Amino acid sequence: MKKTILICSIVVFINSFCLISRADIYKYTDGNGVIHFTTIPDGDGYTKILSENSAPMGEYDHIISNKSHKYNIEPAIIKAVITAESNWDPRAISHKGAIGLMQLMPTTAEDMRVSNPFDPEENIEGGTKYLRHLLNRFNGDLDLALAAYNAGPARVEQSGGVPKIPETVQYIKKVNRIYNGRSKENRLRIYKVTYDDGSVLYTNTPPE
């Protein structure tokens, strides 16, 4: 618990740097195992985990296709969540401390085994895995899964449905609006093709 609280406070602290600058982000783990994120490395032991020049959102399509197949979630849903959560900014940090493209809280990132929430692939992996967990928990009900993603699964279970939290209600509407707007173009079945040499290809074109 102590570790999580410290991580959250540090993340909120560096939020001001992220809003002002597009600088590189560094990670440092101190002797107590507490993880620090900063835009200003001070001494040895800091590792760059996100460069200033990140890939445009189209560059994440292959990652999303991969995670879509892995967790059986439509790419359009993943993209809608990313758009609603961070508007495709891998450096995004909320006032509550949620990080990255799919806005993972430090505790969620830890549960999903995400070591670097600023890394697009790790973040999308963790966010999609968590969304699959919520869909399973709420019997495939997307609205309830989205409500849990925003407000926490316990709040949804306590409410017996979507909690009457304005932010959560608006969040569900926003994600669904984005999802439905993309659905005709992006509700594509993803095929996995394994070649004789062991290489794997994910494609929306049915293999022969």
N, C-alpha and C. Protein backbone atom coordinates (compact mmCIF):
# COMPACT_ATOMS: atom_id res chain seq x y z
N MET A 1 0.82 -1.20 0.00
CA MET A 1 0.00 0.00 0.00
C MET A 1 0.86 1.26 0.00
N LYS A 2 1.94 1.23 0.82
CA LYS A 2 2.83 2.38 0.88
C LYS A 2 3.44 2.68 -0.48
N LYS A 3 3.83 1.60 -1.19
CA LYS A 3 4.44 1.76 -2.51
C LYS A 3 3.47 2.41 -3.47
N THR A 4 2.21 1.95 -3.46
CA THR A 4 1.20 2.48 -4.38
C THR A 4 0.94 3.94 -4.12
N ILE A 5 0.81 4.32 -2.85
CA ILE A 5 0.54 5.72 -2.51
C ILE A 5 1.67 6.62 -2.96
N LEU A 6 2.88 6.17 -2.77
CA LEU A 6 4.03 6.97 -3.18
C LEU A 6 4.08 7.13 -4.69
N ILE A 7 3.79 6.08 -5.42
CA ILE A 7 3.77 6.16 -6.87
C ILE A 7 2.73 7.16 -7.32
N CYS A 8 1.54 7.11 -6.74
CA CYS A 8 0.45 8.02 -7.12
C CYS A 8 0.85 9.46 -6.88
N SER A 9 1.46 9.74 -5.73
CA SER A 9 1.83 11.12 -5.42
C SER A 9 2.88 11.64 -6.38
N ILE A 10 3.80 10.79 -6.76
CA ILE A 10 4.85 11.20 -7.70
C ILE A 10 4.26 11.47 -9.07
N VAL A 11 3.34 10.61 -9.50
CA VAL A 11 2.72 10.79 -10.80
C VAL A 11 1.97 12.11 -10.87
N VAL A 12 1.20 12.42 -9.82
CA VAL A 12 0.47 13.68 -9.80
C VAL A 12 1.43 14.85 -9.81
N PHE A 13 2.54 14.71 -9.10
CA PHE A 13 3.52 15.78 -9.03
C PHE A 13 4.10 16.12 -10.39
N ILE A 14 4.37 15.09 -11.22
CA ILE A 14 4.98 15.37 -12.52
C ILE A 14 3.96 15.75 -13.57
N ASN A 15 2.68 15.73 -13.21
CA ASN A 15 1.64 16.08 -14.18
C ASN A 15 1.86 17.47 -14.75
N SER A 16 2.30 18.40 -13.90
CA SER A 16 2.51 19.77 -14.37
C SER A 16 3.59 19.83 -15.43
N PHE A 17 4.62 19.01 -15.31
CA PHE A 17 5.66 18.98 -16.32
C PHE A 17 5.12 18.49 -17.64
N CYS A 18 4.25 17.46 -17.59
CA CYS A 18 3.70 16.89 -18.81
C CYS A 18 2.79 17.86 -19.54
N LEU A 19 2.09 18.69 -18.78
CA LEU A 19 1.20 19.66 -19.40
C LEU A 19 1.98 20.78 -20.06
N ILE A 20 3.12 21.11 -19.51
CA ILE A 20 3.90 22.23 -20.02
C ILE A 20 4.80 21.82 -21.17
N SER A 21 5.36 20.61 -21.07
CA SER A 21 6.41 20.23 -22.01
C SER A 21 6.17 18.84 -22.57
N ARG A 22 6.74 18.59 -23.74
CA ARG A 22 6.69 17.28 -24.35
C ARG A 22 8.03 16.57 -24.13
N ALA A 23 8.68 16.84 -23.00
CA ALA A 23 10.02 16.32 -22.75
C ALA A 23 10.00 14.82 -22.54
N ASP A 24 11.21 14.22 -22.61
CA ASP A 24 11.36 12.79 -22.35
C ASP A 24 10.96 12.49 -20.91
N ILE A 25 10.52 11.24 -20.67
CA ILE A 25 10.15 10.81 -19.33
C ILE A 25 11.10 9.70 -18.90
N TYR A 26 11.57 9.77 -17.65
CA TYR A 26 12.53 8.83 -17.11
C TYR A 26 11.93 8.09 -15.91
N LYS A 27 12.43 6.87 -15.69
CA LYS A 27 11.96 6.04 -14.59
C LYS A 27 13.15 5.72 -13.68
N TYR A 28 12.89 5.75 -12.37
CA TYR A 28 13.93 5.43 -11.40
C TYR A 28 13.31 4.65 -10.24
N THR A 29 13.93 3.57 -9.82
CA THR A 29 13.46 2.80 -8.67
C THR A 29 14.46 2.97 -7.55
N ASP A 30 14.00 3.51 -6.41
CA ASP A 30 14.93 3.77 -5.31
C ASP A 30 15.17 2.51 -4.49
N GLY A 31 15.97 2.66 -3.44
CA GLY A 31 16.36 1.52 -2.63
C GLY A 31 15.22 0.84 -1.91
N ASN A 32 14.09 1.54 -1.74
CA ASN A 32 12.92 0.97 -1.07
C ASN A 32 11.95 0.32 -2.05
N GLY A 33 12.32 0.31 -3.33
CA GLY A 33 11.45 -0.28 -4.33
C GLY A 33 10.37 0.64 -4.84
N VAL A 34 10.44 1.93 -4.46
CA VAL A 34 9.45 2.90 -4.91
C VAL A 34 9.84 3.40 -6.30
N ILE A 35 8.87 3.39 -7.22
CA ILE A 35 9.12 3.80 -8.60
C ILE A 35 8.85 5.29 -8.75
N HIS A 36 9.81 6.00 -9.36
CA HIS A 36 9.68 7.43 -9.60
C HIS A 36 9.64 7.70 -11.10
N PHE A 37 8.75 8.59 -11.55
CA PHE A 37 8.69 9.04 -12.94
C PHE A 37 8.98 10.54 -12.94
N THR A 38 9.81 10.99 -13.85
CA THR A 38 10.16 12.41 -13.89
C THR A 38 10.60 12.81 -15.29
N THR A 39 10.51 14.09 -15.57
CA THR A 39 11.04 14.62 -16.82
C THR A 39 12.44 15.19 -16.62
N ILE A 40 12.90 15.23 -15.37
CA ILE A 40 14.21 15.82 -15.06
C ILE A 40 15.04 14.80 -14.29
N PRO A 41 15.83 13.97 -14.98
CA PRO A 41 16.68 13.00 -14.29
C PRO A 41 17.74 13.70 -13.47
N ASP A 42 17.98 13.17 -12.27
CA ASP A 42 18.94 13.80 -11.37
C ASP A 42 19.89 12.73 -10.84
N GLY A 43 20.97 12.51 -11.55
CA GLY A 43 21.94 11.51 -11.13
C GLY A 43 21.82 10.23 -11.92
N ASP A 44 22.53 9.20 -11.45
CA ASP A 44 22.55 7.91 -12.13
C ASP A 44 21.31 7.08 -11.76
N GLY A 45 21.08 6.06 -12.53
CA GLY A 45 19.99 5.14 -12.22
C GLY A 45 18.68 5.44 -12.90
N TYR A 46 18.62 6.53 -13.67
CA TYR A 46 17.39 6.88 -14.38
C TYR A 46 17.41 6.26 -15.78
N THR A 47 16.28 5.70 -16.18
CA THR A 47 16.14 5.07 -17.49
C THR A 47 15.07 5.79 -18.29
N LYS A 48 15.42 6.18 -19.51
CA LYS A 48 14.42 6.83 -20.37
C LYS A 48 13.39 5.80 -20.79
N ILE A 49 12.11 6.11 -20.55
CA ILE A 49 11.06 5.17 -20.90
C ILE A 49 10.10 5.73 -21.95
N LEU A 50 10.22 7.02 -22.27
CA LEU A 50 9.38 7.59 -23.31
C LEU A 50 10.09 8.78 -23.92
N SER A 51 10.30 8.73 -25.23
CA SER A 51 10.98 9.82 -25.91
C SER A 51 10.00 10.91 -26.32
N GLU A 52 10.52 12.10 -26.51
CA GLU A 52 9.68 13.23 -26.86
C GLU A 52 8.96 12.99 -28.17
N ASN A 53 9.62 12.40 -29.12
CA ASN A 53 9.02 12.16 -30.43
C ASN A 53 8.39 10.77 -30.46
N SER A 54 7.14 10.68 -30.00
CA SER A 54 6.42 9.41 -30.00
C SER A 54 5.73 9.18 -31.33
N ALA A 55 5.37 7.93 -31.57
CA ALA A 55 4.71 7.59 -32.83
C ALA A 55 3.30 8.15 -32.87
N PRO A 56 2.82 8.55 -34.05
CA PRO A 56 1.44 8.99 -34.19
C PRO A 56 0.49 7.84 -33.93
N MET A 57 -0.80 8.15 -33.68
CA MET A 57 -1.72 7.11 -33.24
C MET A 57 -1.86 5.99 -34.25
N GLY A 58 -1.72 6.27 -35.54
CA GLY A 58 -1.82 5.22 -36.54
C GLY A 58 -0.76 4.15 -36.38
N GLU A 59 0.35 4.51 -35.75
CA GLU A 59 1.44 3.56 -35.54
C GLU A 59 1.09 2.52 -34.47
N TYR A 60 -0.02 2.73 -33.75
CA TYR A 60 -0.41 1.79 -32.71
C TYR A 60 -1.38 0.73 -33.24
N ASP A 61 -1.75 0.82 -34.51
CA ASP A 61 -2.74 -0.11 -35.05
C ASP A 61 -2.30 -1.55 -34.93
N HIS A 62 -1.02 -1.84 -35.18
CA HIS A 62 -0.56 -3.22 -35.12
C HIS A 62 -0.60 -3.74 -33.68
N ILE A 63 -0.35 -2.85 -32.72
CA ILE A 63 -0.43 -3.26 -31.31
C ILE A 63 -1.88 -3.57 -30.95
N ILE A 64 -2.78 -2.69 -31.37
CA ILE A 64 -4.20 -2.87 -31.06
C ILE A 64 -4.74 -4.14 -31.70
N SER A 65 -4.33 -4.40 -32.94
CA SER A 65 -4.77 -5.63 -33.62
C SER A 65 -4.29 -6.87 -32.87
N ASN A 66 -3.06 -6.81 -32.39
CA ASN A 66 -2.49 -7.92 -31.64
C ASN A 66 -3.26 -8.17 -30.35
N LYS A 67 -3.51 -7.10 -29.58
CA LYS A 67 -4.22 -7.24 -28.30
C LYS A 67 -5.68 -7.59 -28.52
N SER A 68 -6.24 -7.09 -29.62
CA SER A 68 -7.63 -7.42 -29.97
C SER A 68 -7.80 -8.92 -30.14
N HIS A 69 -6.87 -9.51 -30.85
CA HIS A 69 -6.91 -10.96 -31.07
C HIS A 69 -6.63 -11.72 -29.77
N LYS A 70 -5.68 -11.24 -29.01
CA LYS A 70 -5.26 -11.93 -27.79
C LYS A 70 -6.38 -11.98 -26.75
N TYR A 71 -7.12 -10.86 -26.62
CA TYR A 71 -8.15 -10.77 -25.58
C TYR A 71 -9.57 -10.77 -26.13
N ASN A 72 -9.70 -11.01 -27.43
CA ASN A 72 -11.02 -11.13 -28.06
C ASN A 72 -11.90 -9.90 -27.79
N ILE A 73 -11.35 -8.73 -28.06
CA ILE A 73 -12.08 -7.47 -27.96
C ILE A 73 -11.92 -6.74 -29.29
N GLU A 74 -13.01 -6.21 -29.82
CA GLU A 74 -12.94 -5.53 -31.11
C GLU A 74 -11.95 -4.37 -31.07
N PRO A 75 -11.16 -4.21 -32.12
CA PRO A 75 -10.23 -3.07 -32.17
C PRO A 75 -10.95 -1.73 -31.98
N ALA A 76 -12.17 -1.61 -32.50
CA ALA A 76 -12.92 -0.36 -32.39
C ALA A 76 -13.21 0.00 -30.95
N ILE A 77 -13.42 -1.01 -30.10
CA ILE A 77 -13.67 -0.74 -28.68
C ILE A 77 -12.39 -0.22 -28.01
N ILE A 78 -11.28 -0.88 -28.30
CA ILE A 78 -10.00 -0.46 -27.72
C ILE A 78 -9.68 0.97 -28.14
N LYS A 79 -9.87 1.27 -29.42
CA LYS A 79 -9.59 2.61 -29.93
C LYS A 79 -10.52 3.65 -29.31
N ALA A 80 -11.77 3.28 -29.09
CA ALA A 80 -12.72 4.21 -28.48
C ALA A 80 -12.31 4.53 -27.05
N VAL A 81 -11.86 3.52 -26.31
CA VAL A 81 -11.42 3.75 -24.93
C VAL A 81 -10.18 4.64 -24.91
N ILE A 82 -9.23 4.37 -25.80
CA ILE A 82 -8.03 5.20 -25.86
C ILE A 82 -8.38 6.65 -26.18
N THR A 83 -9.28 6.84 -27.14
CA THR A 83 -9.68 8.20 -27.53
C THR A 83 -10.33 8.91 -26.35
N ALA A 84 -11.22 8.23 -25.66
CA ALA A 84 -11.92 8.84 -24.54
C ALA A 84 -11.00 9.09 -23.35
N GLU A 85 -10.06 8.18 -23.14
CA GLU A 85 -9.20 8.27 -21.96
C GLU A 85 -8.08 9.29 -22.11
N SER A 86 -7.37 9.24 -23.22
CA SER A 86 -6.16 10.06 -23.35
C SER A 86 -6.05 10.84 -24.64
N ASN A 87 -7.01 10.62 -25.55
CA ASN A 87 -6.93 11.22 -26.88
C ASN A 87 -5.59 10.90 -27.54
N TRP A 88 -5.11 9.68 -27.32
CA TRP A 88 -3.93 9.12 -27.96
C TRP A 88 -2.61 9.78 -27.52
N ASP A 89 -2.58 10.30 -26.31
CA ASP A 89 -1.35 10.90 -25.78
C ASP A 89 -0.72 9.92 -24.79
N PRO A 90 0.40 9.26 -25.13
CA PRO A 90 1.01 8.28 -24.23
C PRO A 90 1.56 8.90 -22.95
N ARG A 91 1.70 10.24 -22.91
CA ARG A 91 2.19 10.93 -21.72
C ARG A 91 1.07 11.41 -20.81
N ALA A 92 -0.16 11.20 -21.20
CA ALA A 92 -1.30 11.73 -20.45
C ALA A 92 -1.30 11.22 -19.01
N ILE A 93 -1.51 12.12 -18.08
CA ILE A 93 -1.62 11.79 -16.66
C ILE A 93 -2.82 12.55 -16.10
N SER A 94 -3.76 11.84 -15.52
CA SER A 94 -4.95 12.50 -14.98
C SER A 94 -4.65 13.07 -13.61
N HIS A 95 -5.58 13.90 -13.12
CA HIS A 95 -5.38 14.49 -11.79
C HIS A 95 -5.46 13.43 -10.70
N LYS A 96 -6.01 12.25 -11.03
CA LYS A 96 -6.06 11.15 -10.06
C LYS A 96 -4.83 10.25 -10.15
N GLY A 97 -3.99 10.49 -11.17
CA GLY A 97 -2.77 9.69 -11.29
C GLY A 97 -2.82 8.59 -12.32
N ALA A 98 -3.89 8.51 -13.13
CA ALA A 98 -3.97 7.51 -14.19
C ALA A 98 -2.99 7.87 -15.29
N ILE A 99 -2.36 6.85 -15.88
CA ILE A 99 -1.22 7.08 -16.77
C ILE A 99 -1.44 6.49 -18.16
N GLY A 100 -0.97 7.23 -19.16
CA GLY A 100 -0.81 6.70 -20.50
C GLY A 100 -2.05 6.61 -21.36
N LEU A 101 -1.91 5.90 -22.47
CA LEU A 101 -2.95 5.82 -23.49
C LEU A 101 -4.29 5.36 -22.94
N MET A 102 -4.29 4.31 -22.13
CA MET A 102 -5.54 3.78 -21.60
C MET A 102 -5.75 4.16 -20.14
N GLN A 103 -4.95 5.13 -19.68
CA GLN A 103 -5.11 5.74 -18.35
C GLN A 103 -5.21 4.69 -17.24
N LEU A 104 -4.11 3.96 -17.05
CA LEU A 104 -4.04 2.94 -16.02
C LEU A 104 -3.65 3.57 -14.69
N MET A 105 -4.42 3.29 -13.65
CA MET A 105 -4.00 3.66 -12.31
C MET A 105 -2.80 2.79 -11.92
N PRO A 106 -1.90 3.31 -11.09
CA PRO A 106 -0.72 2.52 -10.70
C PRO A 106 -1.07 1.14 -10.14
N THR A 107 -2.16 1.05 -9.35
CA THR A 107 -2.54 -0.25 -8.79
C THR A 107 -3.01 -1.20 -9.90
N THR A 108 -3.75 -0.67 -10.87
CA THR A 108 -4.21 -1.49 -11.98
C THR A 108 -3.04 -1.94 -12.84
N ALA A 109 -2.12 -1.01 -13.11
CA ALA A 109 -0.93 -1.36 -13.89
C ALA A 109 -0.16 -2.48 -13.20
N GLU A 110 -0.04 -2.38 -11.89
CA GLU A 110 0.69 -3.42 -11.15
C GLU A 110 -0.05 -4.75 -11.23
N ASP A 111 -1.37 -4.73 -11.09
CA ASP A 111 -2.16 -5.96 -11.17
C ASP A 111 -2.06 -6.60 -12.55
N MET A 112 -1.98 -5.76 -13.60
CA MET A 112 -1.89 -6.27 -14.96
C MET A 112 -0.45 -6.52 -15.39
N ARG A 113 0.47 -6.39 -14.44
CA ARG A 113 1.90 -6.64 -14.66
C ARG A 113 2.49 -5.70 -15.72
N VAL A 114 2.10 -4.46 -15.65
CA VAL A 114 2.65 -3.43 -16.53
C VAL A 114 3.75 -2.71 -15.77
N SER A 115 4.98 -2.86 -16.22
CA SER A 115 6.11 -2.25 -15.51
C SER A 115 6.34 -0.81 -15.94
N ASN A 116 5.97 -0.47 -17.18
CA ASN A 116 6.16 0.89 -17.68
C ASN A 116 4.86 1.36 -18.33
N PRO A 117 3.98 2.00 -17.58
CA PRO A 117 2.67 2.43 -18.13
C PRO A 117 2.78 3.51 -19.19
N PHE A 118 3.96 4.13 -19.33
CA PHE A 118 4.14 5.13 -20.38
C PHE A 118 4.48 4.49 -21.73
N ASP A 119 4.86 3.23 -21.70
CA ASP A 119 5.16 2.52 -22.95
C ASP A 119 3.84 2.15 -23.63
N PRO A 120 3.62 2.60 -24.88
CA PRO A 120 2.33 2.35 -25.54
C PRO A 120 1.93 0.88 -25.59
N GLU A 121 2.85 -0.01 -25.93
CA GLU A 121 2.48 -1.41 -26.04
C GLU A 121 2.13 -2.01 -24.69
N GLU A 122 2.91 -1.71 -23.66
CA GLU A 122 2.61 -2.21 -22.33
C GLU A 122 1.28 -1.65 -21.83
N ASN A 123 1.05 -0.36 -22.09
CA ASN A 123 -0.18 0.28 -21.62
C ASN A 123 -1.40 -0.33 -22.30
N ILE A 124 -1.33 -0.50 -23.62
CA ILE A 124 -2.46 -1.09 -24.34
C ILE A 124 -2.67 -2.54 -23.93
N GLU A 125 -1.58 -3.26 -23.71
CA GLU A 125 -1.67 -4.63 -23.21
C GLU A 125 -2.42 -4.66 -21.88
N GLY A 126 -1.99 -3.80 -20.94
CA GLY A 126 -2.60 -3.77 -19.61
C GLY A 126 -4.04 -3.31 -19.65
N GLY A 127 -4.32 -2.26 -20.44
CA GLY A 127 -5.68 -1.74 -20.51
C GLY A 127 -6.64 -2.72 -21.16
N THR A 128 -6.21 -3.39 -22.22
CA THR A 128 -7.07 -4.36 -22.91
C THR A 128 -7.28 -5.59 -22.04
N LYS A 129 -6.23 -6.03 -21.38
CA LYS A 129 -6.35 -7.17 -20.47
C LYS A 129 -7.33 -6.86 -19.34
N TYR A 130 -7.24 -5.65 -18.81
CA TYR A 130 -8.15 -5.24 -17.72
C TYR A 130 -9.59 -5.15 -18.22
N LEU A 131 -9.76 -4.62 -19.42
CA LEU A 131 -11.10 -4.52 -19.99
C LEU A 131 -11.70 -5.91 -20.22
N ARG A 132 -10.89 -6.86 -20.68
CA ARG A 132 -11.37 -8.24 -20.83
C ARG A 132 -11.78 -8.81 -19.48
N HIS A 133 -10.98 -8.55 -18.44
CA HIS A 133 -11.31 -9.00 -17.09
C HIS A 133 -12.66 -8.45 -16.65
N LEU A 134 -12.91 -7.17 -16.94
CA LEU A 134 -14.18 -6.54 -16.55
C LEU A 134 -15.34 -7.08 -17.37
N LEU A 135 -15.13 -7.32 -18.65
CA LEU A 135 -16.18 -7.90 -19.48
C LEU A 135 -16.56 -9.30 -18.97
N ASN A 136 -15.57 -10.07 -18.59
CA ASN A 136 -15.86 -11.40 -18.03
C ASN A 136 -16.61 -11.28 -16.71
N ARG A 137 -16.20 -10.32 -15.91
CA ARG A 137 -16.80 -10.13 -14.59
C ARG A 137 -18.27 -9.71 -14.68
N PHE A 138 -18.58 -8.92 -15.73
CA PHE A 138 -19.95 -8.43 -15.88
C PHE A 138 -20.66 -9.07 -17.07
N ASN A 139 -20.31 -10.33 -17.31
CA ASN A 139 -21.02 -11.16 -18.29
C ASN A 139 -21.12 -10.55 -19.68
N GLY A 140 -20.04 -9.88 -20.11
CA GLY A 140 -19.99 -9.35 -21.47
C GLY A 140 -20.75 -8.06 -21.67
N ASP A 141 -21.30 -7.48 -20.60
CA ASP A 141 -22.04 -6.22 -20.72
C ASP A 141 -21.04 -5.07 -20.87
N LEU A 142 -20.96 -4.48 -22.05
CA LEU A 142 -19.97 -3.45 -22.32
C LEU A 142 -20.18 -2.22 -21.46
N ASP A 143 -21.43 -1.78 -21.29
CA ASP A 143 -21.68 -0.59 -20.49
C ASP A 143 -21.23 -0.77 -19.04
N LEU A 144 -21.50 -1.94 -18.48
CA LEU A 144 -21.06 -2.20 -17.11
C LEU A 144 -19.54 -2.30 -17.02
N ALA A 145 -18.93 -2.90 -18.03
CA ALA A 145 -17.46 -2.99 -18.05
C ALA A 145 -16.84 -1.60 -18.15
N LEU A 146 -17.43 -0.74 -18.97
CA LEU A 146 -16.93 0.63 -19.09
C LEU A 146 -17.14 1.41 -17.80
N ALA A 147 -18.28 1.19 -17.17
CA ALA A 147 -18.55 1.85 -15.88
C ALA A 147 -17.51 1.42 -14.85
N ALA A 148 -17.18 0.13 -14.84
CA ALA A 148 -16.17 -0.38 -13.91
C ALA A 148 -14.79 0.15 -14.25
N TYR A 149 -14.49 0.30 -15.54
CA TYR A 149 -13.21 0.85 -15.98
C TYR A 149 -13.05 2.28 -15.46
N ASN A 150 -14.15 3.01 -15.43
CA ASN A 150 -14.12 4.41 -15.01
C ASN A 150 -14.24 4.60 -13.50
N ALA A 151 -15.15 3.87 -12.89
CA ALA A 151 -15.45 4.10 -11.47
C ALA A 151 -14.98 2.98 -10.55
N GLY A 152 -14.57 1.86 -11.13
CA GLY A 152 -14.15 0.72 -10.32
C GLY A 152 -15.24 -0.33 -10.25
N PRO A 153 -14.87 -1.60 -10.32
CA PRO A 153 -15.86 -2.68 -10.32
C PRO A 153 -16.70 -2.74 -9.05
N ALA A 154 -16.11 -2.38 -7.91
CA ALA A 154 -16.85 -2.44 -6.66
C ALA A 154 -18.03 -1.46 -6.67
N ARG A 155 -17.82 -0.28 -7.25
CA ARG A 155 -18.91 0.71 -7.32
C ARG A 155 -20.05 0.19 -8.19
N VAL A 156 -19.71 -0.51 -9.26
CA VAL A 156 -20.74 -1.06 -10.14
C VAL A 156 -21.53 -2.15 -9.42
N GLU A 157 -20.84 -3.01 -8.73
CA GLU A 157 -21.51 -4.10 -8.02
C GLU A 157 -22.37 -3.56 -6.88
N GLN A 158 -21.88 -2.55 -6.18
CA GLN A 158 -22.66 -1.95 -5.10
C GLN A 158 -23.92 -1.27 -5.63
N SER A 159 -23.81 -0.70 -6.84
CA SER A 159 -24.95 0.00 -7.42
C SER A 159 -25.94 -0.94 -8.09
N GLY A 160 -25.49 -2.15 -8.39
CA GLY A 160 -26.35 -3.09 -9.10
C GLY A 160 -26.54 -2.70 -10.55
N GLY A 161 -25.64 -1.92 -11.08
CA GLY A 161 -25.71 -1.43 -12.45
C GLY A 161 -24.78 -0.26 -12.61
N VAL A 162 -25.03 0.58 -13.60
CA VAL A 162 -24.18 1.76 -13.81
C VAL A 162 -24.39 2.74 -12.65
N PRO A 163 -23.33 3.10 -11.93
CA PRO A 163 -23.47 4.05 -10.81
C PRO A 163 -23.97 5.41 -11.32
N LYS A 164 -24.76 6.06 -10.50
CA LYS A 164 -25.29 7.37 -10.88
C LYS A 164 -24.26 8.46 -10.60
N ILE A 165 -23.12 8.30 -11.24
CA ILE A 165 -22.02 9.26 -11.14
C ILE A 165 -21.96 9.99 -12.47
N PRO A 166 -22.18 11.29 -12.51
CA PRO A 166 -22.22 12.02 -13.79
C PRO A 166 -21.02 11.74 -14.68
N GLU A 167 -19.83 11.72 -14.11
CA GLU A 167 -18.63 11.47 -14.90
C GLU A 167 -18.68 10.10 -15.56
N THR A 168 -19.14 9.10 -14.81
CA THR A 168 -19.20 7.74 -15.33
C THR A 168 -20.26 7.60 -16.42
N VAL A 169 -21.41 8.21 -16.18
CA VAL A 169 -22.49 8.17 -17.17
C VAL A 169 -22.04 8.81 -18.48
N GLN A 170 -21.39 9.96 -18.38
CA GLN A 170 -20.90 10.66 -19.57
C GLN A 170 -19.78 9.89 -20.25
N TYR A 171 -18.97 9.22 -19.45
CA TYR A 171 -17.87 8.43 -20.00
C TYR A 171 -18.41 7.30 -20.88
N ILE A 172 -19.42 6.60 -20.38
CA ILE A 172 -20.02 5.50 -21.15
C ILE A 172 -20.60 6.02 -22.45
N LYS A 173 -21.30 7.14 -22.38
CA LYS A 173 -21.89 7.72 -23.59
C LYS A 173 -20.80 8.11 -24.59
N LYS A 174 -19.71 8.68 -24.09
CA LYS A 174 -18.63 9.12 -24.96
C LYS A 174 -17.98 7.94 -25.67
N VAL A 175 -17.65 6.89 -24.91
CA VAL A 175 -17.00 5.73 -25.51
C VAL A 175 -17.92 5.07 -26.54
N ASN A 176 -19.20 4.94 -26.20
CA ASN A 176 -20.15 4.32 -27.14
C ASN A 176 -20.32 5.16 -28.39
N ARG A 177 -20.32 6.47 -28.23
CA ARG A 177 -20.45 7.35 -29.39
C ARG A 177 -19.25 7.19 -30.32
N ILE A 178 -18.06 7.13 -29.76
CA ILE A 178 -16.85 6.94 -30.56
C ILE A 178 -16.85 5.55 -31.18
N TYR A 179 -17.21 4.56 -30.39
CA TYR A 179 -17.23 3.17 -30.86
C TYR A 179 -18.22 2.98 -32.00
N ASN A 180 -19.43 3.51 -31.84
CA ASN A 180 -20.44 3.35 -32.88
C ASN A 180 -20.07 4.13 -34.14
N GLY A 181 -19.38 5.24 -33.97
CA GLY A 181 -18.95 6.01 -35.13
C GLY A 181 -17.88 5.30 -35.92
N ARG A 182 -17.08 4.47 -35.23
CA ARG A 182 -16.00 3.75 -35.89
C ARG A 182 -16.44 2.36 -36.35
N SER A 183 -17.58 1.90 -35.85
CA SER A 183 -17.90 0.48 -35.96
C SER A 183 -17.94 -0.05 -37.39
N LYS A 184 -18.55 0.71 -38.31
CA LYS A 184 -18.68 0.21 -39.68
C LYS A 184 -17.32 0.01 -40.34
N GLU A 185 -16.37 0.88 -39.96
CA GLU A 185 -15.05 0.78 -40.57
C GLU A 185 -14.14 -0.18 -39.84
N ASN A 186 -14.32 -0.28 -38.51
CA ASN A 186 -13.31 -0.96 -37.71
C ASN A 186 -13.77 -2.27 -37.07
N ARG A 187 -15.03 -2.65 -37.23
CA ARG A 187 -15.44 -3.94 -36.69
C ARG A 187 -14.96 -5.03 -37.64
N LEU A 188 -13.68 -5.28 -37.59
CA LEU A 188 -13.07 -6.23 -38.50
C LEU A 188 -12.64 -7.47 -37.74
N ARG A 189 -12.83 -8.61 -38.38
CA ARG A 189 -12.34 -9.84 -37.77
C ARG A 189 -10.84 -9.92 -38.02
N ILE A 190 -10.10 -10.26 -36.97
CA ILE A 190 -8.65 -10.36 -37.08
C ILE A 190 -8.26 -11.83 -37.19
N TYR A 191 -7.45 -12.14 -38.20
CA TYR A 191 -6.99 -13.50 -38.42
C TYR A 191 -5.52 -13.62 -38.02
N LYS A 192 -5.17 -14.75 -37.47
CA LYS A 192 -3.77 -15.03 -37.12
C LYS A 192 -3.24 -16.07 -38.09
N VAL A 193 -2.14 -15.75 -38.77
CA VAL A 193 -1.53 -16.66 -39.73
C VAL A 193 -0.12 -17.01 -39.24
N THR A 194 0.15 -18.29 -39.07
CA THR A 194 1.47 -18.74 -38.65
C THR A 194 2.15 -19.42 -39.83
N TYR A 195 3.30 -18.91 -40.23
CA TYR A 195 4.02 -19.44 -41.38
C TYR A 195 4.93 -20.60 -40.97
N ASP A 196 5.44 -21.30 -41.96
CA ASP A 196 6.28 -22.48 -41.71
C ASP A 196 7.52 -22.15 -40.91
N ASP A 197 8.03 -20.91 -41.07
CA ASP A 197 9.25 -20.54 -40.34
C ASP A 197 8.95 -20.07 -38.91
N GLY A 198 7.67 -20.14 -38.51
CA GLY A 198 7.30 -19.76 -37.15
C GLY A 198 6.87 -18.31 -36.99
N SER A 199 7.05 -17.49 -38.03
CA SER A 199 6.63 -16.10 -37.95
C SER A 199 5.11 -16.01 -37.97
N VAL A 200 4.59 -14.98 -37.31
CA VAL A 200 3.15 -14.82 -37.14
C VAL A 200 2.71 -13.50 -37.78
N LEU A 201 1.58 -13.55 -38.47
CA LEU A 201 1.00 -12.35 -39.10
C LEU A 201 -0.43 -12.22 -38.63
N TYR A 202 -0.80 -10.99 -38.15
CA TYR A 202 -2.19 -10.68 -37.82
C TYR A 202 -2.74 -9.82 -38.97
N THR A 203 -3.90 -10.21 -39.50
CA THR A 203 -4.43 -9.52 -40.66
C THR A 203 -5.95 -9.54 -40.64
N ASN A 204 -6.56 -8.53 -41.30
CA ASN A 204 -8.03 -8.53 -41.42
C ASN A 204 -8.46 -9.15 -42.75
N THR A 205 -7.53 -9.69 -43.49
CA THR A 205 -7.82 -10.36 -44.76
C THR A 205 -7.83 -11.86 -44.53
N PRO A 206 -8.94 -12.53 -44.79
CA PRO A 206 -8.99 -13.98 -44.57
C PRO A 206 -7.89 -14.71 -45.32
N PRO A 207 -7.15 -15.57 -44.62
CA PRO A 207 -6.07 -16.33 -45.30
C PRO A 207 -6.65 -17.35 -46.24
N GLU A 208 -5.90 -17.68 -47.25
CA GLU A 208 -6.35 -18.69 -48.22
C GLU A 208 -6.29 -20.09 -47.60
